[in-house]
C-alpha atoms as a PDB file:
ATOM      1  CA  MET A   1     -15.598  27.238  15.607  1.00  0.00           C
ATOM      2  CA  THR A   2     -15.155  23.567  15.768  1.00  0.00           C
ATOM      3  CA  PRO A   3     -11.604  22.419  16.513  1.00  0.00           C
ATOM      4  CA  TYR A   4     -10.691  21.286  13.287  1.00  0.00           C
ATOM      5  CA  LYS A   5     -12.017  24.920  12.110  1.00  0.00           C
ATOM      6  CA  GLU A   6      -9.669  26.437  14.497  1.00  0.00           C
ATOM      7  CA  PHE A   7      -7.002  24.153  13.082  1.00  0.00           C
ATOM      8  CA  THR A   8      -7.468  25.047   9.763  1.00  0.00           C
ATOM      9  CA  THR A   9      -7.597  28.852  10.771  1.00  0.00           C
ATOM     10  CA  ARG A  10      -3.783  28.833  11.999  1.00  0.00           C
ATOM     11  CA  LEU A  11      -3.639  26.396   9.162  1.00  0.00           C
ATOM     12  CA  LYS A  12      -3.819  28.954   7.050  1.00  0.00           C
ATOM     13  CA  LEU A  13      -2.190  32.071   8.761  1.00  0.00           C
ATOM     14  CA  LEU A  14       1.187  29.313   8.992  1.00  0.00           C
ATOM     15  CA  ILE A  15       0.806  28.451   5.067  1.00  0.00           C
ATOM     16  CA  ALA A  16       0.554  32.680   4.417  1.00  0.00           C
ATOM     17  CA  LYS A  17       4.070  33.285   6.493  1.00  0.00           C
ATOM     18  CA  ASN A  18       5.432  31.363   5.769  1.00  0.00           C
ATOM     19  CA  PRO A  19       4.371  29.406   1.805  1.00  0.00           C
ATOM     20  CA  HIS A  20       7.096  27.671   0.783  1.00  0.00           C
ATOM     21  CA  LEU A  21       6.767  25.400   3.516  1.00  0.00           C
ATOM     22  CA  ILE A  22       3.896  23.919   1.821  1.00  0.00           C
ATOM     23  CA  THR A  23       5.358  24.022  -1.640  1.00  0.00           C
ATOM     24  CA  THR A  24       8.517  21.773  -0.531  1.00  0.00           C
ATOM     25  CA  THR A  25       5.710  19.350   1.584  1.00  0.00           C
ATOM     26  CA  LEU A  26       3.304  19.577  -1.810  1.00  0.00           C
ATOM     27  CA  SER A  27       5.728  19.648  -3.806  1.00  0.00           C
ATOM     28  CA  ASN A  28       7.071  16.003  -2.243  1.00  0.00           C
ATOM     29  CA  ILE A  29       4.175  14.830  -2.233  1.00  0.00           C
ATOM     30  CA  PHE A  30       3.479  14.950  -5.543  1.00  0.00           C
ATOM     31  CA  THR A  31       6.335  13.413  -6.361  1.00  0.00           C
ATOM     32  CA  MET A  32       5.098  10.294  -5.577  1.00  0.00           C
ATOM     33  CA  ARG A  33       2.632  10.110  -8.183  1.00  0.00           C
ATOM     34  CA  LEU A  34       6.263   9.504 -10.473  1.00  0.00           C
ATOM     35  CA  ILE A  35       6.247   6.375  -7.782  1.00  0.00           C
ATOM     36  CA  GLY A  36       2.847   4.785  -8.923  1.00  0.00           C
ATOM     37  CA  ASN A  37      -0.147   6.511  -9.683  1.00  0.00           C
ATOM     38  CA  LYS A  38      -1.859   6.303  -6.054  1.00  0.00           C
ATOM     39  CA  THR A  39       2.101   6.264  -3.287  1.00  0.00           C
ATOM     40  CA  HIS A  40       0.471   9.462  -2.508  1.00  0.00           C
ATOM     41  CA  GLY A  41      -2.575   9.598  -1.309  1.00  0.00           C
ATOM     42  CA  ASP A  42      -1.162   7.344   1.383  1.00  0.00           C
ATOM     43  CA  LEU A  43       2.569   9.376   1.974  1.00  0.00           C
ATOM     44  CA  ALA A  44       0.485  12.939   1.954  1.00  0.00           C
ATOM     45  CA  GLU A  45      -0.809  10.642   5.435  1.00  0.00           C
ATOM     46  CA  ILE A  46       2.086  10.775   6.680  1.00  0.00           C
ATOM     47  CA  ALA A  47       3.640  13.633   5.420  1.00  0.00           C
ATOM     48  CA  ILE A  48       0.933  16.234   6.635  1.00  0.00           C
ATOM     49  CA  ALA A  49       1.433  14.737   9.923  1.00  0.00           C
ATOM     50  CA  GLU A  50       5.041  15.325  10.271  1.00  0.00           C
ATOM     51  CA  PHE A  51       4.536  18.937   9.141  1.00  0.00           C
ATOM     52  CA  ILE A  52       2.322  19.690  11.671  1.00  0.00           C
ATOM     53  CA  ASN A  53       3.425  18.308  14.708  1.00  0.00           C
ATOM     54  CA  GLN A  54       7.057  19.785  12.799  1.00  0.00           C
ATOM     55  CA  PHE A  55       6.135  23.565  12.063  1.00  0.00           C
ATOM     56  CA  MET A  56       2.304  24.160  14.262  1.00  0.00           C
ATOM     57  CA  TYR A  57       3.525  24.298  17.711  1.00  0.00           C
ATOM     58  CA  ASP A  58       0.279  23.857  19.101  1.00  0.00           C
ATOM     59  CA  TYR A  59      -0.935  20.918  17.472  1.00  0.00           C
ATOM     60  CA  LYS A  60       0.674  17.037  17.596  1.00  0.00           C
ATOM     61  CA  SER A  61      -0.633  15.163  14.840  1.00  0.00           C
ATOM     62  CA  ILE A  62      -1.209  10.695  15.363  1.00  0.00           C
ATOM     63  CA  HIS A  63      -0.970   8.810  11.863  1.00  0.00           C
ATOM     64  CA  VAL A  64      -4.199   6.299  12.899  1.00  0.00           C
ATOM     65  CA  GLY A  65      -2.692   4.110   9.005  1.00  0.00           C
ATOM     66  CA  LYS A  66      -5.463   1.614   7.167  1.00  0.00           C
ATOM     67  CA  ASP A  67      -4.405  -1.136   9.909  1.00  0.00           C
ATOM     68  CA  LEU A  68      -7.010   0.537  12.117  1.00  0.00           C
ATOM     69  CA  TYR A  69      -9.781   1.728   9.657  1.00  0.00           C
ATOM     70  CA  ARG A  70     -12.173  -1.814  10.509  1.00  0.00           C
ATOM     71  CA  ALA A  71     -11.708   0.177  14.197  1.00  0.00           C
ATOM     72  CA  LYS A  72     -12.320   3.905  12.631  1.00  0.00           C
ATOM     73  CA  GLU A  73     -15.066   5.713  14.829  1.00  0.00           C
ATOM     74  CA  HIS A  74     -14.363   8.062  11.729  1.00  0.00           C
ATOM     75  CA  GLU A  75     -12.853   8.687   8.844  1.00  0.00           C
ATOM     76  CA  GLU A  76     -10.329   9.455   9.699  1.00  0.00           C
ATOM     77  CA  ASP A  77      -6.246   9.358   8.246  1.00  0.00           C
ATOM     78  CA  ILE A  78      -4.488  11.212  11.213  1.00  0.00           C
ATOM     79  CA  LYS A  79      -5.743  12.647  15.076  1.00  0.00           C
ATOM     80  CA  ILE A  80      -4.905  16.149  15.939  1.00  0.00           C
ATOM     81  CA  LEU A  81      -4.736  16.999  19.777  1.00  0.00           C
ATOM     82  CA  ASN A  82      -4.947  21.084  20.174  1.00  0.00           C
ATOM     83  CA  GLU A  83      -2.114  21.020  23.094  1.00  0.00           C
ATOM     84  CA  ILE A  84      -3.104  23.809  24.505  1.00  0.00           C
ATOM     85  CA  THR A  85      -7.211  23.007  24.916  1.00  0.00           C
ATOM     86  CA  LYS A  86      -6.355  18.862  24.609  1.00  0.00           C
ATOM     87  CA  VAL A  87      -9.028  18.587  22.116  1.00  0.00           C
ATOM     88  CA  GLU A  88      -8.655  15.959  19.928  1.00  0.00           C
ATOM     89  CA  PHE A  89      -9.946  14.922  16.372  1.00  0.00           C
ATOM     90  CA  PRO A  90      -9.795  12.845  13.434  1.00  0.00           C
ATOM     91  CA  VAL A  91      -9.350  14.167   9.784  1.00  0.00           C
ATOM     92  CA  SER A  92      -9.618  12.348   6.880  1.00  0.00           C
ATOM     93  CA  LEU A  93      -6.866  13.511   4.781  1.00  0.00           C
ATOM     94  CA  LYS A  94      -7.726  13.264   0.393  1.00  0.00           C
ATOM     95  CA  ALA A  95      -4.922  13.856  -2.454  1.00  0.00           C
ATOM     96  CA  TYR A  96      -7.885  14.069  -5.689  1.00  0.00           C
ATOM     97  CA  GLY A  97      -6.825  15.967  -9.303  1.00  0.00           C
ATOM     98  CA  ASP A  98      -9.126  18.816  -9.376  1.00  0.00           C
ATOM     99  CA  GLY A  99     -12.071  17.417  -9.766  1.00  0.00           C
ATOM    100  CA  PRO A 100     -14.214  15.134  -8.329  1.00  0.00           C
ATOM    101  CA  LEU A 101     -14.103  14.758  -4.452  1.00  0.00           C
ATOM    102  CA  GLN A 102     -15.101  12.339  -1.857  1.00  0.00           C
ATOM    103  CA  LEU A 103     -15.988  13.263   1.371  1.00  0.00           C
ATOM    104  CA  SER A 104     -17.223   9.914   3.098  1.00  0.00           C
ATOM    105  CA  THR A 105     -17.759   6.936   2.503  1.00  0.00           C
ATOM    106  CA  ASP A 106     -20.258   5.865   4.067  1.00  0.00           C
ATOM    107  CA  LYS A 107     -19.955   3.133   4.374  1.00  0.00           C
ATOM    108  CA  ASN A 108     -23.026   2.312   6.839  1.00  0.00           C
ATOM    109  CA  PHE A 109     -24.603   2.561   3.517  1.00  0.00           C
ATOM    110  CA  GLN A 110     -27.804   4.794   5.317  1.00  0.00           C
ATOM    111  CA  MET A 111     -27.210   7.831   2.959  1.00  0.00           C
ATOM    112  CA  PHE A 112     -28.959   7.361  -1.004  1.00  0.00           C
ATOM    113  CA  PRO A 113     -31.420   5.256   1.163  1.00  0.00           C
ATOM    114  CA  THR A 114     -32.054   7.709   3.447  1.00  0.00           C
ATOM    115  CA  LEU A 115     -32.812  10.168   0.089  1.00  0.00           C
ATOM    116  CA  GLN A 116     -35.115   7.199  -1.521  1.00  0.00           C
ATOM    117  CA  SER A 117     -37.456   6.872   0.843  1.00  0.00           C
ATOM    118  CA  ILE A 118     -38.218  10.917   1.286  1.00  0.00           C
ATOM    119  CA  GLY A 119     -38.175  11.758  -2.190  1.00  0.00           C
ATOM    120  CA  ASP A 120     -36.713  12.167  -5.484  1.00  0.00           C
ATOM    121  CA  LEU A 121     -37.397  15.607  -6.056  1.00  0.00           C
ATOM    122  CA  ILE A 122     -36.189  17.222  -1.616  1.00  0.00           C
ATOM    123  CA  ALA A 123     -37.032  19.964  -1.353  1.00  0.00           C
ATOM    124  CA  GLY A 124     -38.579  22.663   1.525  1.00  0.00           C
ATOM    125  CA  GLU A 125     -40.225  19.759   4.498  1.00  0.00           C
ATOM    126  CA  LYS A 126     -38.576  17.897   2.537  1.00  0.00           C
ATOM    127  CA  LEU A 127     -35.441  18.845   3.945  1.00  0.00           C
ATOM    128  CA  LYS A 128     -35.731  19.945   7.197  1.00  0.00           C
ATOM    129  CA  ALA A 129     -36.237  15.682   7.231  1.00  0.00           C
ATOM    130  CA  VAL A 130     -33.326  15.313   5.740  1.00  0.00           C
ATOM    131  CA  TRP A 131     -31.449  16.873   8.168  1.00  0.00           C
ATOM    132  CA  LYS A 132     -33.086  15.323  11.140  1.00  0.00           C
ATOM    133  CA  HIS A 133     -32.152  12.040  10.502  1.00  0.00           C
ATOM    134  CA  PRO A 134     -29.178  10.352  11.510  1.00  0.00           C
ATOM    135  CA  ALA A 135     -27.390   9.816   8.563  1.00  0.00           C
ATOM    136  CA  PHE A 136     -26.539  13.668   7.570  1.00  0.00           C
ATOM    137  CA  SER A 137     -25.758  14.390  11.246  1.00  0.00           C
ATOM    138  CA  GLU A 138     -22.271  15.089  10.765  1.00  0.00           C
ATOM    139  CA  PHE A 139     -22.951  17.249   7.382  1.00  0.00           C
ATOM    140  CA  GLY A 140     -22.000  20.598   8.579  1.00  0.00           C
ATOM    141  CA  THR A 141     -19.083  18.856  10.991  1.00  0.00           C
ATOM    142  CA  LEU A 142     -16.577  16.939   7.714  1.00  0.00           C
ATOM    143  CA  ASN A 143     -13.130  17.201   9.270  1.00  0.00           C
ATOM    144  CA  VAL A 144     -11.585  16.810   5.781  1.00  0.00           C
ATOM    145  CA  LEU A 145      -8.736  18.304   4.569  1.00  0.00           C
ATOM    146  CA  PRO A 146      -7.591  17.666   0.781  1.00  0.00           C
ATOM    147  CA  LEU A 147      -4.620  17.896  -1.102  1.00  0.00           C
ATOM    148  CA  ILE A 148      -5.967  19.067  -4.632  1.00  0.00           C
ATOM    149  CA  TYR A 149      -3.770  18.632  -7.579  1.00  0.00           C
ATOM    150  CA  ARG A 150      -3.637  19.264 -11.178  1.00  0.00           C
ATOM    151  CA  GLU A 151      -1.289  17.279 -12.820  1.00  0.00           C
ATOM    152  CA  GLN A 152      -0.497  19.470 -16.025  1.00  0.00           C
ATOM    153  CA  THR A 153       0.073  22.090 -15.322  1.00  0.00           C
ATOM    154  CA  GLN A 154       2.189  21.257 -12.202  1.00  0.00           C
ATOM    155  CA  GLN A 155      -0.113  23.457  -9.410  1.00  0.00           C
ATOM    156  CA  CYS A 156      -1.486  22.731  -6.406  1.00  0.00           C
ATOM    157  CA  ASN A 157      -4.697  23.881  -3.063  1.00  0.00           C
ATOM    158  CA  ILE A 158      -5.356  22.463  -0.288  1.00  0.00           C
ATOM    159  CA  LEU A 159      -8.800  23.315  -0.886  1.00  0.00           C
ATOM    160  CA  VAL A 160     -11.866  22.858   2.238  1.00  0.00           C
ATOM    161  CA  PHE A 161     -15.499  21.992   2.020  1.00  0.00           C
ATOM    162  CA  ASP A 162     -17.393  24.034   3.912  1.00  0.00           C
ATOM    163  CA  ALA A 163     -19.965  21.859   4.990  1.00  0.00           C
ATOM    164  CA  ASP A 164     -21.595  24.360   7.128  1.00  0.00           C
ATOM    165  CA  LYS A 165     -22.320  27.339   4.590  1.00  0.00           C
ATOM    166  CA  ALA A 166     -23.512  24.233   1.866  1.00  0.00           C
ATOM    167  CA  ARG A 167     -25.212  22.710   4.818  1.00  0.00           C
ATOM    168  CA  ASN A 168     -27.327  27.139   5.192  1.00  0.00           C
ATOM    169  CA  CYS A 169     -26.855  26.747   1.866  1.00  0.00           C
ATOM    170  CA  ILE A 170     -28.746  24.263  -0.001  1.00  0.00           C
ATOM    171  CA  ALA A 171     -31.815  24.820  -1.549  1.00  0.00           C
ATOM    172  CA  ARG A 172     -33.529  21.406  -2.965  1.00  0.00           C
ATOM    173  CA  ILE A 173     -32.453  17.890  -3.796  1.00  0.00           C
ATOM    174  CA  ALA A 174     -33.565  16.112  -6.982  1.00  0.00           C
ATOM    175  CA  LEU A 175     -33.006  12.267  -8.054  1.00  0.00           C
ATOM    176  CA  GLU A 176     -30.307  12.155 -11.476  1.00  0.00           C
ATOM    177  CA  LYS A 177     -30.565   8.391 -13.182  1.00  0.00           C
ATOM    178  CA  THR A 178     -28.784   8.711 -15.828  1.00  0.00           C
ATOM    179  CA  GLY A 179     -25.670  10.357 -16.940  1.00  0.00           C
ATOM    180  CA  LYS A 180     -22.151  11.188 -18.056  1.00  0.00           C
ATOM    181  CA  GLY A 181     -20.012   7.799 -17.414  1.00  0.00           C
ATOM    182  CA  ARG A 182     -22.305   7.348 -14.993  1.00  0.00           C
ATOM    183  CA  LYS A 183     -23.856   3.573 -13.607  1.00  0.00           C
ATOM    184  CA  HIS A 184     -25.337   4.538 -10.745  1.00  0.00           C
ATOM    185  CA  PRO A 185     -28.102   7.380  -9.518  1.00  0.00           C
ATOM    186  CA  VAL A 186     -26.884   9.917  -7.709  1.00  0.00           C
ATOM    187  CA  TYR A 187     -28.565  12.851  -5.517  1.00  0.00           C
ATOM    188  CA  LYS A 188     -27.512  16.339  -6.284  1.00  0.00           C
ATOM    189  CA  PHE A 189     -27.667  19.503  -3.812  1.00  0.00           C
ATOM    190  CA  TYR A 190     -28.421  22.984  -5.163  1.00  0.00           C
ATOM    191  CA  ASP A 191     -28.623  25.760  -3.239  1.00  0.00           C
ATOM    192  CA  LYS A 192     -30.892  28.738  -4.295  1.00  0.00           C
ATOM    193  CA  THR A 193     -29.368  30.423  -7.262  1.00  0.00           C
ATOM    194  CA  GLY A 194     -29.757  26.778  -8.484  1.00  0.00           C
ATOM    195  CA  ASP A 195     -25.735  25.639  -8.529  1.00  0.00           C
ATOM    196  CA  TYR A 196     -24.257  22.646  -7.717  1.00  0.00           C
ATOM    197  CA  VAL A 197     -22.740  21.916  -4.689  1.00  0.00           C
ATOM    198  CA  CYS A 198     -22.913  17.882  -3.392  1.00  0.00           C
ATOM    199  CA  GLU A 199     -23.898  14.964  -4.514  1.00  0.00           C
ATOM    200  CA  VAL A 200     -24.529  12.188  -2.343  1.00  0.00           C
ATOM    201  CA  ARG A 201     -23.790   8.495  -4.691  1.00  0.00           C
ATOM    202  CA  TYR A 202     -25.815   4.740  -5.120  1.00  0.00           C
ATOM    203  CA  GLY A 203     -25.841   3.271  -2.135  1.00  0.00           C
ATOM    204  CA  SER A 204     -26.143  -0.173  -0.941  1.00  0.00           C
ATOM    205  CA  ALA A 205     -23.685  -3.286   0.047  1.00  0.00           C
ATOM    206  CA  THR A 206     -22.563  -3.947  -2.928  1.00  0.00           C
ATOM    207  CA  ALA A 207     -21.130  -0.589  -4.387  1.00  0.00           C
ATOM    208  CA  ASN A 208     -17.983  -0.045  -3.797  1.00  0.00           C
ATOM    209  CA  ALA A 209     -16.775   2.762  -2.029  1.00  0.00           C
ATOM    210  CA  LEU A 210     -16.128   5.670  -5.474  1.00  0.00           C
ATOM    211  CA  GLN A 211     -19.451   4.568  -6.407  1.00  0.00           C
ATOM    212  CA  ARG A 212     -21.120   5.487  -2.947  1.00  0.00           C
ATOM    213  CA  GLY A 213     -20.897   8.289  -0.201  1.00  0.00           C
ATOM    214  CA  LEU A 214     -20.482  12.102  -0.491  1.00  0.00           C
ATOM    215  CA  TRP A 215     -18.639  13.402  -2.680  1.00  0.00           C
ATOM    216  CA  THR A 216     -18.536  17.082  -4.399  1.00  0.00           C
ATOM    217  CA  HIS A 217     -16.305  18.143  -7.268  1.00  0.00           C
ATOM    218  CA  THR A 218     -14.142  21.078  -6.650  1.00  0.00           C
ATOM    219  CA  ARG A 219     -14.607  22.591  -9.763  1.00  0.00           C
ATOM    220  CA  ASN A 220     -18.504  23.305 -10.004  1.00  0.00           C
ATOM    221  CA  GLY A 221     -18.250  23.624  -6.659  1.00  0.00           C
ATOM    222  CA  ALA A 222     -15.699  26.410  -6.557  1.00  0.00           C
ATOM    223  CA  LYS A 223     -18.318  28.838  -4.402  1.00  0.00           C
ATOM    224  CA  TYR A 224     -18.464  26.301  -0.692  1.00  0.00           C
ATOM    225  CA  PHE A 225     -14.090  25.919  -0.685  1.00  0.00           C
ATOM    226  CA  ASP A 226     -12.129  27.661   0.653  1.00  0.00           C
ATOM    227  CA  SER A 227      -8.233  27.352  -0.665  1.00  0.00           C
ATOM    228  CA  ILE A 228      -5.588  27.220   2.445  1.00  0.00           C
ATOM    229  CA  THR A 229      -3.444  28.217   0.405  1.00  0.00           C
ATOM    230  CA  ASP A 230      -5.502  30.950  -1.181  1.00  0.00           C
ATOM    231  CA  GLY A 231      -5.466  29.857  -4.839  1.00  0.00           C
ATOM    232  CA  TRP A 232      -3.289  27.465  -6.942  1.00  0.00           C
ATOM    233  CA  ILE A 233       0.526  27.477  -6.338  1.00  0.00           C
ATOM    234  CA  GLY A 234       3.119  26.261  -8.208  1.00  0.00           C
ATOM    235  CA  TYR A 235       4.758  22.431  -7.400  1.00  0.00           C
ATOM    236  CA  ALA A 236       7.922  21.129  -8.875  1.00  0.00           C
ATOM    237  CA  HIS A 237       9.024  17.145  -9.185  1.00  0.00           C
ATOM    238  CA  ASN A 238      11.287  16.420  -6.423  1.00  0.00           C
ATOM    239  CA  HIS A 239      13.639  14.074  -8.176  1.00  0.00           C
ATOM    240  CA  ILE A 240      16.485  13.667  -5.694  1.00  0.00           C
ATOM    241  CA  LEU A 241      13.833  12.177  -3.680  1.00  0.00           C
ATOM    242  CA  VAL A 242      12.601   9.087  -6.007  1.00  0.00           C
ATOM    243  CA  LYS A 243      16.753   8.326  -5.989  1.00  0.00           C
ATOM    244  CA  LEU A 244      16.680   9.005  -1.890  1.00  0.00           C
ATOM    245  CA  PHE A 245      14.070   5.981  -2.094  1.00  0.00           C
ATOM    246  CA  SER A 246      15.243   4.152  -3.993  1.00  0.00           C
ATOM    247  CA  HIS A 247      18.644   4.156  -2.650  1.00  0.00           C
ATOM    248  CA  ALA A 248      16.967   3.730   1.373  1.00  0.00           C
ATOM    249  CA  LEU A 249      14.763   1.297   0.072  1.00  0.00           C
ATOM    250  CA  ILE A 250      18.525  -1.364   0.511  1.00  0.00           C
ATOM    251  CA  SER A 251      20.136   0.760   2.275  1.00  0.00           C
ATOM    252  CA  THR A 252      20.354  -0.792   6.121  1.00  0.00           C
ATOM    253  CA  ASN A 253      20.202   0.543   9.427  1.00  0.00           C
ATOM    254  CA  ASN A 254      22.981   2.180  10.645  1.00  0.00           C
ATOM    255  CA  GLY A 255      22.171   4.251   6.400  1.00  0.00           C
ATOM    256  CA  HIS A 256      18.195   5.366   7.217  1.00  0.00           C
ATOM    257  CA  ASP A 257      19.940   6.693  10.937  1.00  0.00           C
ATOM    258  CA  ARG A 258      22.284   8.962   9.822  1.00  0.00           C
ATOM    259  CA  ALA A 259      20.627  10.209   6.831  1.00  0.00           C
ATOM    260  CA  LEU A 260      17.298  11.027   9.283  1.00  0.00           C
ATOM    261  CA  ALA A 261      19.890  13.571  11.352  1.00  0.00           C
ATOM    262  CA  GLU A 262      20.644  15.086   8.165  1.00  0.00           C
ATOM    263  CA  LEU A 263      16.668  15.390   7.384  1.00  0.00           C
ATOM    264  CA  LYS A 264      16.252  16.584  11.189  1.00  0.00           C
ATOM    265  CA  ALA A 265      18.914  18.242  10.558  1.00  0.00           C
ATOM    266  CA  ASP A 266      17.408  20.207   7.829  1.00  0.00           C
ATOM    267  CA  ILE A 267      14.353  20.667   8.745  1.00  0.00           C
ATOM    268  CA  GLU A 268      15.463  23.042  11.691  1.00  0.00           C
ATOM    269  CA  ASP A 269      17.458  24.698   9.476  1.00  0.00           C
ATOM    270  CA  GLN A 270      13.669  25.443   7.987  1.00  0.00           C
ATOM    271  CA  LYS A 271      12.064  26.785  12.104  1.00  0.00           C
ATOM    272  CA  LYS A 272      15.510  29.081  12.178  1.00  0.00           C
ATOM    273  CA  LYS A 273      14.612  30.660   8.460  1.00  0.00           C
ATOM    274  CA  SER A 274      11.211  30.671   9.197  1.00  0.00           C
ATOM    275  CA  LYS A 275      11.172  31.883  12.563  1.00  0.00           C
ATOM    276  CA  LEU A 276       9.370  29.363  14.125  1.00  0.00           C
ATOM    277  CA  THR A 277      12.341  28.346  16.935  1.00  0.00           C
END
């Protein structure tokens, strides 16, 4: 079991015992969409890092931040340390709607050109060549934690793509040059029963981050996801949180100190009620 797999297993156990902790956190995260459509994604990184620090006693997490992007060895938003084994590993946070999900930006532009060099239809021995290529060396060890939401029904889920299972089940890769609402060709990966698994999008250096890389689909590739929340859970917008933000932005450090003390006390109450202390 990889360090990340062990972490998600522990997270799933914590949520099963204390579902209110993640429901509160995800409700607060998705409430940020009331402030801006993309605000929730950045704040999710901070929130999940703090969730780990507060509620998972044998793990510590550090928010890496966007300013370090160019220096990152991996695609990561947070770093997690297992305090028992002392193993540190990177995690990429994704906060997406239910549907297309980007697993990797392929910032070195290697995936699509690699598949192009092998052929339009890849199976059998050609498929073995894909897995041997450095561009796909990390396919089975993707540390991506996706927070998925359905805004209309106000439901959410933590759906982890099982890349190791996917790799073992992929039987063919096919180039598809046209598609509904798509400007660029993609290579789609299918399993032995013909079901969709994932895809690699156009990989030129001129393509933006949403036009390239490794993608999947939370509905079409559902059997290759593990729900850490054990299915869809309801969330509610926290309008008080929005008001708190608006007031915090025009308050002084003294006001922030007093508010932070109250918030810390509330977190400790949650720990006691959840028997985490």
